[in-house]
Protein backbone atom coordinates (compact mmCIF):
# COMPACT_ATOMS: atom_id res chain seq x y z
CA UNK A 1 69.28 263.87 139.50
CA UNK A 2 72.61 265.11 138.16
CA UNK A 3 76.11 264.86 139.57
CA UNK A 4 77.36 268.33 140.50
CA UNK A 5 80.89 267.59 141.60
CA UNK A 6 83.40 264.79 142.05
CA UNK A 7 86.03 265.19 144.76
CA UNK A 8 89.18 263.07 145.04
CA UNK A 9 89.94 262.06 148.64
CA UNK A 10 93.55 261.06 149.29
CA UNK A 11 94.45 259.64 152.70
CA UNK A 12 97.61 261.13 154.20
CA UNK A 13 99.14 262.47 157.39
CA UNK A 14 101.47 264.64 155.26
CA UNK A 15 99.19 267.67 154.92
CA UNK A 16 102.13 270.12 154.89
CA UNK A 17 103.76 268.18 152.04
CA UNK A 18 100.46 268.22 150.17
CA UNK A 19 100.27 271.99 150.66
CA UNK A 20 103.81 272.51 149.37
CA UNK A 21 103.05 270.60 146.16
CA UNK A 22 99.42 271.40 145.37
CA UNK A 23 99.39 275.04 146.55
CA UNK A 24 103.01 276.18 146.22
CA UNK A 25 104.04 274.23 143.10
CA UNK A 26 100.76 273.87 141.20
CA UNK A 27 99.18 277.09 142.44
CA UNK A 28 95.88 275.69 143.70
CA UNK A 29 94.02 277.76 146.27
CA UNK A 30 93.35 276.44 149.77
CA UNK A 31 89.56 276.40 149.87
CA UNK A 32 89.25 274.81 153.31
CA UNK A 33 91.64 273.82 156.09
CA UNK A 34 90.23 272.04 159.13
CA UNK A 35 93.60 270.75 160.36
CA UNK A 36 92.70 267.15 159.53
CA UNK A 37 91.55 267.89 155.96
CA UNK A 38 92.77 270.48 153.48
CA UNK A 39 90.83 271.15 150.29
CA UNK A 40 92.68 272.59 147.31
CA UNK A 41 90.86 274.02 144.33
CA UNK A 42 90.51 276.62 141.64
CA UNK A 43 87.88 279.09 140.56
CA UNK A 44 88.07 277.59 137.06
CA UNK A 45 84.87 276.00 135.79
CA UNK A 46 85.51 272.29 135.40
CA UNK A 47 83.58 269.44 133.85
CA UNK A 48 82.62 266.47 135.98
CA UNK A 49 84.79 263.54 134.90
CA UNK A 50 86.02 260.24 136.27
CA UNK A 51 88.37 257.86 134.45
CA UNK A 52 88.56 254.08 134.62
CA UNK A 53 91.65 252.70 132.88
CA UNK A 54 93.69 249.54 132.41
CA UNK A 55 96.82 251.60 131.64
CA UNK A 56 97.85 255.24 131.49
CA UNK A 57 98.31 255.29 127.72
CA UNK A 58 101.52 254.69 125.76
CA UNK A 59 102.21 251.72 128.05
CA UNK A 60 102.45 253.87 131.20
CA UNK A 61 100.93 253.03 134.59
CA UNK A 62 97.55 254.50 135.46
CA UNK A 63 98.15 257.80 137.30
CA UNK A 64 96.40 258.53 140.58
CA UNK A 65 95.34 262.00 139.38
CA UNK A 66 95.32 263.88 136.08
CA UNK A 67 95.69 267.65 136.31
CA UNK A 68 95.15 269.79 133.23
CA UNK A 69 97.09 273.07 133.17
CA UNK A 70 97.22 275.97 130.74
CA UNK A 71 101.04 276.04 130.48
CA UNK A 72 102.87 272.71 130.66
CA UNK A 73 106.32 274.27 130.40
CA UNK A 74 105.61 276.47 133.44
CA UNK A 75 104.27 273.47 135.36
CA UNK A 76 107.39 271.48 134.51
CA UNK A 77 109.61 274.38 135.60
CA UNK A 78 107.82 274.65 138.96
CA UNK A 79 108.01 270.89 139.50
CA UNK A 80 111.75 270.84 138.78
CA UNK A 81 112.36 273.94 140.95
CA UNK A 82 110.67 272.03 143.79
CA UNK A 83 113.32 269.31 143.38
CA UNK A 84 111.02 266.80 141.69
CA UNK A 85 111.80 265.03 138.44
CA UNK A 86 109.30 263.72 135.88
CA UNK A 87 109.00 259.94 135.69
CA UNK A 88 107.64 260.14 132.14
CA UNK A 89 107.75 262.87 129.52
CA UNK A 90 107.16 265.59 128.72
CA UNK A 91 105.79 264.03 125.57
CA UNK A 92 103.13 264.78 122.97
CA UNK A 93 100.68 261.88 122.80
CA UNK A 94 98.78 260.78 119.68
CA UNK A 95 95.40 261.50 121.31
CA UNK A 96 96.07 265.23 121.50
CA UNK A 97 97.73 265.96 124.83
CA UNK A 98 101.24 266.93 125.89
CA UNK A 99 102.03 265.63 129.36
CA UNK A 100 104.44 264.41 131.98
CA UNK A 101 104.15 262.22 135.06
CA UNK A 102 105.58 263.21 138.43
CA UNK A 103 105.22 261.77 141.92
CA UNK A 104 103.87 264.20 144.48
CA UNK A 105 105.45 264.23 147.98
CA UNK A 106 102.82 261.67 149.07
CA UNK A 107 104.01 259.18 146.45
CA UNK A 108 100.97 259.60 144.19
CA UNK A 109 101.59 259.45 140.44
CA UNK A 110 100.32 262.68 138.89
CA UNK A 111 99.64 263.13 135.17
CA UNK A 112 100.10 266.83 134.36
CA UNK A 113 98.80 267.68 130.90
CA UNK A 114 97.73 270.28 128.40
CA UNK A 115 95.49 269.67 125.39
CA UNK A 116 97.18 270.45 122.08
CA UNK A 117 95.59 271.15 118.75
């Protein structure tokens, strides 16, 4: 047996707010919308990963989600244009990522990052 996919399930009644952040700001596609559940995704090939952490690194809290992007500056611009402000960063971390934290409209702490070389 092998794990094919891991899906994060976040309980909320604020599906429109989720759509405005995850589709409009971050650019994820709506893969399914049943009215009571909306699935956002991308056609990018992704590795199966799950993190367990006692902190978020650099003394930060553990984020609810980590989202890797290809252009952190563009992600930051879209977040700020949506009226949201980072709670941490942007900063280059010693383990090879540049990132910032932002709270989505549901109150979840999101780690938005890009790997740097």
